[in-house]
Amino acid sequence: MFPTPATGSLALQVGVVGYDQWQVTDNGGTVSIGGVILPASAIPSYSVHAIGGQLNYILPAKNFSLFFKGYHEYSASSHTLGNTLCFGGACTLLIPKPKPAAPKS
C-alpha cells in the first residue's frame, strides 16, 4: 500500500491476484458429439487457472474507492483460454452524515 506522504488521505494498493477452478464430480448423462451419443463421463473434467494483477485507489476521507484487475488464463481443460478485465468502484453514503467526535481532553 502506498499512502500519500503529506496527508495519508489516499492510498494506492497493488497486488497479484489469481484463481483456480476444478470440477470435483464426474459428468453425468449423455452428450451428442457429431451425431454419436456418448456418456458425458467421456468428456474431460473442467479446470481453469489464471493469474493477474489488481490496483485499488482508495480515498478514505471521501468514503470512495476504485479498482481495476486483469487475469490471464494460462491453463484450461474443456474451456477456452481467455483474458478477463474487471473494474468497479464503491462509495459509502452516510445519511445523515455523522457529527465529528468531540476532542479528547
C-alpha atoms as a PDB file:
ATOM      1  CA  MET A   1       0.000   0.000   0.000  1.00  0.00           C
ATOM      2  CA  PHE A   2       1.283   3.452  -0.894  1.00  0.00           C
ATOM      3  CA  PRO A   3      -0.259   6.306   1.168  1.00  0.00           C
ATOM      4  CA  THR A   4       0.342   9.888   0.152  1.00  0.00           C
ATOM      5  CA  PRO A   5       3.249  11.199   2.222  1.00  0.00           C
ATOM      6  CA  ALA A   6       1.719  14.537   3.270  1.00  0.00           C
ATOM      7  CA  THR A   7      -1.781  13.674   4.449  1.00  0.00           C
ATOM      8  CA  GLY A   8      -2.262   9.933   4.153  1.00  0.00           C
ATOM      9  CA  SER A   9      -5.701  10.791   2.764  1.00  0.00           C
ATOM     10  CA  LEU A  10      -5.468   8.452  -0.195  1.00  0.00           C
ATOM     11  CA  ALA A  11      -3.949   5.054  -0.764  1.00  0.00           C
ATOM     12  CA  LEU A  12      -2.874   3.045  -3.749  1.00  0.00           C
ATOM     13  CA  GLN A  13      -2.751  -0.738  -3.388  1.00  0.00           C
ATOM     14  CA  VAL A  14      -1.101  -3.021  -5.940  1.00  0.00           C
ATOM     15  CA  GLY A  15      -1.220  -6.803  -5.749  1.00  0.00           C
ATOM     16  CA  VAL A  16      -1.134 -10.145  -7.504  1.00  0.00           C
ATOM     17  CA  VAL A  17      -4.449 -11.978  -7.960  1.00  0.00           C
ATOM     18  CA  GLY A  18      -5.410 -15.300  -9.448  1.00  0.00           C
ATOM     19  CA  TYR A  19      -7.832 -18.174  -9.403  1.00  0.00           C
ATOM     20  CA  ASP A  20      -8.038 -21.916  -9.906  1.00  0.00           C
ATOM     21  CA  GLN A  21     -11.236 -23.856 -10.604  1.00  0.00           C
ATOM     22  CA  TRP A  22     -11.731 -27.611 -10.780  1.00  0.00           C
ATOM     23  CA  GLN A  23     -14.705 -29.820 -11.467  1.00  0.00           C
ATOM     24  CA  VAL A  24     -14.871 -32.197  -8.497  1.00  0.00           C
ATOM     25  CA  THR A  25     -17.513 -34.696  -9.679  1.00  0.00           C
ATOM     26  CA  ASP A  26     -17.818 -36.806 -12.812  1.00  0.00           C
ATOM     27  CA  ASN A  27     -20.007 -35.645 -15.695  1.00  0.00           C
ATOM     28  CA  GLY A  28     -23.375 -37.395 -15.803  1.00  0.00           C
ATOM     29  CA  GLY A  29     -25.913 -38.165 -18.532  1.00  0.00           C
ATOM     30  CA  THR A  30     -25.186 -38.344 -22.244  1.00  0.00           C
ATOM     31  CA  VAL A  31     -23.947 -35.949 -24.891  1.00  0.00           C
ATOM     32  CA  SER A  32     -24.252 -35.967 -28.680  1.00  0.00           C
ATOM     33  CA  ILE A  33     -20.944 -35.411 -30.489  1.00  0.00           C
ATOM     34  CA  GLY A  34     -21.196 -35.433 -34.296  1.00  0.00           C
ATOM     35  CA  GLY A  35     -24.455 -37.362 -34.164  1.00  0.00           C
ATOM     36  CA  VAL A  36     -22.965 -40.053 -31.902  1.00  0.00           C
ATOM     37  CA  ILE A  37     -24.397 -40.275 -28.384  1.00  0.00           C
ATOM     38  CA  LEU A  38     -21.684 -40.839 -25.781  1.00  0.00           C
ATOM     39  CA  PRO A  39     -21.703 -40.914 -21.990  1.00  0.00           C
ATOM     40  CA  ALA A  40     -20.833 -37.475 -20.623  1.00  0.00           C
ATOM     41  CA  SER A  41     -18.142 -39.101 -18.473  1.00  0.00           C
ATOM     42  CA  ALA A  42     -16.099 -39.406 -21.726  1.00  0.00           C
ATOM     43  CA  ILE A  43     -15.673 -35.611 -21.723  1.00  0.00           C
ATOM     44  CA  PRO A  44     -12.651 -34.416 -19.727  1.00  0.00           C
ATOM     45  CA  SER A  45     -13.338 -32.730 -16.412  1.00  0.00           C
ATOM     46  CA  TYR A  46     -13.348 -28.937 -16.378  1.00  0.00           C
ATOM     47  CA  SER A  47     -10.450 -26.949 -14.923  1.00  0.00           C
ATOM     48  CA  VAL A  48      -9.046 -23.456 -15.449  1.00  0.00           C
ATOM     49  CA  HIS A  49      -6.155 -21.485 -13.894  1.00  0.00           C
ATOM     50  CA  ALA A  50      -5.396 -17.751 -14.144  1.00  0.00           C
ATOM     51  CA  ILE A  51      -3.064 -15.117 -12.721  1.00  0.00           C
ATOM     52  CA  GLY A  52      -3.072 -11.321 -12.945  1.00  0.00           C
ATOM     53  CA  GLY A  53      -2.840  -8.065 -11.057  1.00  0.00           C
ATOM     54  CA  GLN A  54      -5.114  -5.672  -9.197  1.00  0.00           C
ATOM     55  CA  LEU A  55      -4.891  -1.949  -8.482  1.00  0.00           C
ATOM     56  CA  ASN A  56      -7.031  -0.231  -5.802  1.00  0.00           C
ATOM     57  CA  TYR A  57      -7.335   3.548  -5.455  1.00  0.00           C
ATOM     58  CA  ILE A  58      -8.810   4.490  -2.067  1.00  0.00           C
ATOM     59  CA  LEU A  59      -9.956   7.900  -0.782  1.00  0.00           C
ATOM     60  CA  PRO A  60     -10.913   7.262   2.881  1.00  0.00           C
ATOM     61  CA  ALA A  61     -11.886  10.884   3.579  1.00  0.00           C
ATOM     62  CA  LYS A  62     -14.448  10.759   0.754  1.00  0.00           C
ATOM     63  CA  ASN A  63     -15.617   7.169   1.501  1.00  0.00           C
ATOM     64  CA  PHE A  64     -14.760   6.285  -2.101  1.00  0.00           C
ATOM     65  CA  SER A  65     -12.680   3.622  -3.836  1.00  0.00           C
ATOM     66  CA  LEU A  66     -11.970   2.367  -7.359  1.00  0.00           C
ATOM     67  CA  PHE A  67     -10.411  -0.899  -8.517  1.00  0.00           C
ATOM     68  CA  PHE A  68      -9.094  -2.422 -11.712  1.00  0.00           C
ATOM     69  CA  LYS A  69      -7.954  -6.011 -12.177  1.00  0.00           C
ATOM     70  CA  GLY A  70      -6.959  -8.235 -15.039  1.00  0.00           C
ATOM     71  CA  TYR A  71      -6.493 -12.002 -15.323  1.00  0.00           C
ATOM     72  CA  HIS A  72      -4.701 -14.125 -17.930  1.00  0.00           C
ATOM     73  CA  GLU A  73      -5.814 -17.763 -18.109  1.00  0.00           C
ATOM     74  CA  TYR A  74      -2.660 -19.780 -18.655  1.00  0.00           C
ATOM     75  CA  SER A  75      -4.147 -23.298 -18.478  1.00  0.00           C
ATOM     76  CA  ALA A  76      -7.587 -24.758 -19.160  1.00  0.00           C
ATOM     77  CA  SER A  77      -9.226 -28.119 -19.795  1.00  0.00           C
ATOM     78  CA  SER A  78     -12.659 -28.287 -21.502  1.00  0.00           C
ATOM     79  CA  HIS A  79     -12.646 -24.490 -21.543  1.00  0.00           C
ATOM     80  CA  THR A  80     -11.276 -21.883 -23.962  1.00  0.00           C
ATOM     81  CA  LEU A  81      -8.375 -19.756 -22.755  1.00  0.00           C
ATOM     82  CA  GLY A  82      -9.018 -16.048 -22.372  1.00  0.00           C
ATOM     83  CA  ASN A  83      -8.315 -12.821 -20.553  1.00  0.00           C
ATOM     84  CA  THR A  84     -10.593 -11.012 -18.130  1.00  0.00           C
ATOM     85  CA  LEU A  85     -10.607  -7.308 -17.306  1.00  0.00           C
ATOM     86  CA  CYS A  86     -12.745  -6.036 -14.454  1.00  0.00           C
ATOM     87  CA  PHE A  87     -13.236  -2.591 -12.944  1.00  0.00           C
ATOM     88  CA  GLY A  88     -15.552  -1.015 -10.422  1.00  0.00           C
ATOM     89  CA  GLY A  89     -15.956   1.352  -7.558  1.00  0.00           C
ATOM     90  CA  ALA A  90     -17.704   1.906  -4.279  1.00  0.00           C
ATOM     91  CA  CYS A  91     -18.983   4.917  -2.417  1.00  0.00           C
ATOM     92  CA  THR A  92     -20.373   4.852   1.112  1.00  0.00           C
ATOM     93  CA  LEU A  93     -23.305   7.195   1.658  1.00  0.00           C
ATOM     94  CA  LEU A  94     -23.606   8.340   5.242  1.00  0.00           C
ATOM     95  CA  ILE A  95     -27.141   9.683   5.580  1.00  0.00           C
ATOM     96  CA  PRO A  96     -27.365  11.545   7.860  1.00  0.00           C
ATOM     97  CA  LYS A  97     -23.703  12.380   7.987  1.00  0.00           C
ATOM     98  CA  PRO A  98     -22.308  11.645  11.473  1.00  0.00           C
ATOM     99  CA  LYS A  99     -21.051  14.562  13.534  1.00  0.00           C
ATOM    100  CA  PRO A 100     -17.303  14.656  14.250  1.00  0.00           C
ATOM    101  CA  ALA A 101     -16.224  13.225  17.584  1.00  0.00           C
ATOM    102  CA  ALA A 102     -15.599  15.709  20.384  1.00  0.00           C
ATOM    103  CA  PRO A 103     -11.903  16.422  21.037  1.00  0.00           C
ATOM    104  CA  LYS A 104     -10.392  14.398  23.888  1.00  0.00           C
ATOM    105  CA  SER A 105      -9.066  16.371  26.845  1.00  0.00           C
END
